[in-house]
């Protein structure tokens, strides 16, 4: 069975239409359709991650090897000191919450980066203006020093 057919079979096993799945994983229905018709060289990560979170075997999805579904062994959670998960849906919900948090934090980082870039540009402009004013003052000071002997000679010149 080709990769696209495996993805379509997994989606149908979940009882989801392409539109419903597109809304869940926030990609276009067209992308799902193309993937299920093997029009992409590589599988879509959101699609794959979602199916894996629903218990499908990543290796089966991508390469067609092994069993279609994986079994969650809660014993391995216990031995690692992780709270037992009786309901895989709880794990999926927590995973979805974390994905949303990460997206929000990425947006915040992007906004802050843009703000820093803007402020950096404003700071550079201000420093350039200060430097220009400083250079102007230095020039005026130089003019004043060069003019001082002329002023002195004019003031102290006797008629």
Protein backbone atom coordinates (compact mmCIF):
# COMPACT_ATOMS: atom_id res chain seq x y z
CA UNK A 1 0.00 0.00 0.00
CA UNK A 2 1.33 3.45 -0.91
CA UNK A 3 2.00 6.09 1.74
CA UNK A 4 -0.97 8.27 0.79
CA UNK A 5 -3.34 5.31 1.09
CA UNK A 6 -1.98 4.57 4.59
CA UNK A 7 -2.61 8.16 5.68
CA UNK A 8 -6.14 8.07 4.20
CA UNK A 9 -6.83 4.74 5.92
CA UNK A 10 -5.65 6.12 9.27
CA UNK A 11 -7.82 9.25 8.87
CA UNK A 12 -10.85 7.15 7.95
CA UNK A 13 -10.19 4.86 10.93
CA UNK A 14 -10.57 7.96 13.10
CA UNK A 15 -13.87 8.69 11.35
CA UNK A 16 -12.69 12.08 10.07
CA UNK A 17 -13.27 13.74 6.73
CA UNK A 18 -10.43 15.62 5.07
CA UNK A 19 -12.13 18.90 6.02
CA UNK A 20 -12.48 17.90 9.68
CA UNK A 21 -8.85 16.81 9.88
CA UNK A 22 -7.72 20.02 8.15
CA UNK A 23 -9.46 22.07 10.85
CA UNK A 24 -7.94 20.00 13.65
CA UNK A 25 -4.34 20.20 12.46
CA UNK A 26 -4.67 23.65 10.88
CA UNK A 27 -3.59 22.89 7.34
CA UNK A 28 -5.62 23.08 4.15
CA UNK A 29 -7.90 20.31 2.96
CA UNK A 30 -6.03 20.54 -0.36
CA UNK A 31 -2.77 19.63 1.41
CA UNK A 32 -4.41 16.58 2.95
CA UNK A 33 -5.87 15.56 -0.40
CA UNK A 34 -2.51 15.92 -2.16
CA UNK A 35 -0.75 13.94 0.53
CA UNK A 36 -3.31 11.14 0.37
CA UNK A 37 -2.83 11.02 -3.42
CA UNK A 38 0.99 10.87 -3.00
CA UNK A 39 1.51 14.31 -4.58
CA UNK A 40 4.09 15.30 -1.93
CA UNK A 41 7.57 13.80 -1.69
CA UNK A 42 7.62 14.06 2.11
CA UNK A 43 4.72 13.65 4.51
CA UNK A 44 3.29 16.72 6.25
CA UNK A 45 4.62 16.87 9.83
CA UNK A 46 1.35 18.15 11.35
CA UNK A 47 -0.59 15.33 9.70
CA UNK A 48 1.93 12.69 10.78
CA UNK A 49 2.23 14.03 14.35
CA UNK A 50 -1.54 14.11 14.76
CA UNK A 51 -1.98 10.52 13.56
CA UNK A 52 0.87 9.36 15.81
CA UNK A 53 -0.79 11.16 18.75
CA UNK A 54 -3.91 9.12 17.95
CA UNK A 55 -1.97 5.87 18.33
CA UNK A 56 -0.85 5.21 14.76
CA UNK A 57 2.65 3.85 14.22
CA UNK A 58 4.92 6.50 12.64
CA UNK A 59 7.02 3.85 10.86
CA UNK A 60 3.89 2.25 9.39
CA UNK A 61 2.61 5.64 8.21
CA UNK A 62 5.85 6.73 6.57
CA UNK A 63 7.45 3.47 5.42
CA UNK A 64 4.61 0.93 5.56
CA UNK A 65 6.47 -1.35 7.98
CA UNK A 66 5.16 -2.75 11.24
CA UNK A 67 1.68 -2.56 12.69
CA UNK A 68 -0.78 0.22 11.86
CA UNK A 69 -1.48 1.09 15.51
CA UNK A 70 0.92 1.26 18.42
CA UNK A 71 0.05 0.28 21.94
CA UNK A 72 0.74 2.75 24.73
CA UNK A 73 2.46 0.91 27.53
CA UNK A 74 1.52 2.74 30.73
CA UNK A 75 3.92 0.51 32.69
CA UNK A 76 6.84 2.38 31.11
CA UNK A 77 5.33 5.63 32.45
CA UNK A 78 5.20 4.20 35.96
CA UNK A 79 8.82 3.03 35.93
CA UNK A 80 9.94 6.48 34.82
CA UNK A 81 7.96 8.16 37.61
CA UNK A 82 5.38 9.59 35.23
CA UNK A 83 1.72 9.63 36.25
CA UNK A 84 -0.21 6.77 34.67
CA UNK A 85 -2.42 7.82 31.83
CA UNK A 86 -5.62 5.80 31.71
CA UNK A 87 -7.05 7.78 28.83
CA UNK A 88 -4.84 8.54 25.79
CA UNK A 89 -7.28 11.36 24.94
CA UNK A 90 -5.98 13.25 28.03
CA UNK A 91 -2.45 12.92 26.67
CA UNK A 92 -3.60 14.23 23.28
CA UNK A 93 -5.38 17.19 24.90
CA UNK A 94 -2.27 18.07 26.89
CA UNK A 95 -0.17 17.77 23.74
CA UNK A 96 -2.55 20.10 21.87
CA UNK A 97 -2.40 22.62 24.74
CA UNK A 98 1.40 22.55 24.61
CA UNK A 99 1.38 23.07 20.83
CA UNK A 100 -0.85 26.12 21.28
CA UNK A 101 1.42 27.47 24.03
CA UNK A 102 4.49 27.01 21.83
CA UNK A 103 2.79 28.81 18.91
CA UNK A 104 1.80 31.68 21.21
CA UNK A 105 5.33 31.92 22.59
CA UNK A 106 6.75 31.85 19.05
CA UNK A 107 4.44 34.74 18.12
CA UNK A 108 5.52 36.65 21.24
CA UNK A 109 9.19 36.09 20.42
CA UNK A 110 8.59 37.28 16.86
CA UNK A 111 6.79 40.43 18.09
CA UNK A 112 9.56 41.17 20.60
CA UNK A 113 12.24 40.60 17.97
CA UNK A 114 10.49 43.03 15.63
CA UNK A 115 10.20 45.57 18.45
CA UNK A 116 13.91 45.20 19.29
CA UNK A 117 14.76 45.65 15.60
CA UNK A 118 12.62 48.78 15.46
CA UNK A 119 14.12 50.20 18.66
CA UNK A 120 17.62 49.34 17.48
CA UNK A 121 17.01 51.27 14.27
CA UNK A 122 15.66 54.24 16.22
CA UNK A 123 18.63 54.13 18.57
CA UNK A 124 21.08 54.09 15.65
CA UNK A 125 19.29 57.10 14.10
CA UNK A 126 19.44 58.99 17.41
CA UNK A 127 23.15 58.21 17.83
CA UNK A 128 23.83 59.38 14.29
CA UNK A 129 22.03 62.67 15.01
CA UNK A 130 24.01 63.13 18.23
CA UNK A 131 27.24 62.45 16.37
CA UNK A 132 26.26 64.95 13.68
CA UNK A 133 25.46 67.59 16.31
CA UNK A 134 28.74 66.87 18.09
CA UNK A 135 30.67 67.25 14.84
CA UNK A 136 28.82 70.53 14.20
CA UNK A 137 29.74 71.79 17.67
CA UNK A 138 33.37 70.80 17.16
CA UNK A 139 33.38 72.73 13.88
CA UNK A 140 31.84 75.79 15.54
CA UNK A 141 34.38 75.57 18.37
CA UNK A 142 37.20 75.35 15.82
CA UNK A 143 35.82 78.38 13.99
CA UNK A 144 35.65 80.27 17.27
CA UNK A 145 39.30 79.46 18.07
CA UNK A 146 40.44 80.51 14.62
CA UNK A 147 38.39 83.69 14.80
CA UNK A 148 39.63 84.63 18.27
CA UNK A 149 42.89 86.24 17.09
CA UNK A 150 40.95 88.34 14.57
CA UNK A 151 38.47 89.39 17.23
CA UNK A 152 41.29 90.23 19.64
CA UNK A 153 43.12 92.28 17.05
CA UNK A 154 39.94 94.13 16.18
CA UNK A 155 39.07 94.81 19.82
CA UNK A 156 42.55 95.89 20.82
CA UNK A 157 43.37 97.70 17.63
CA UNK A 158 44.03 101.34 18.29
CA UNK A 159 42.86 103.95 15.96
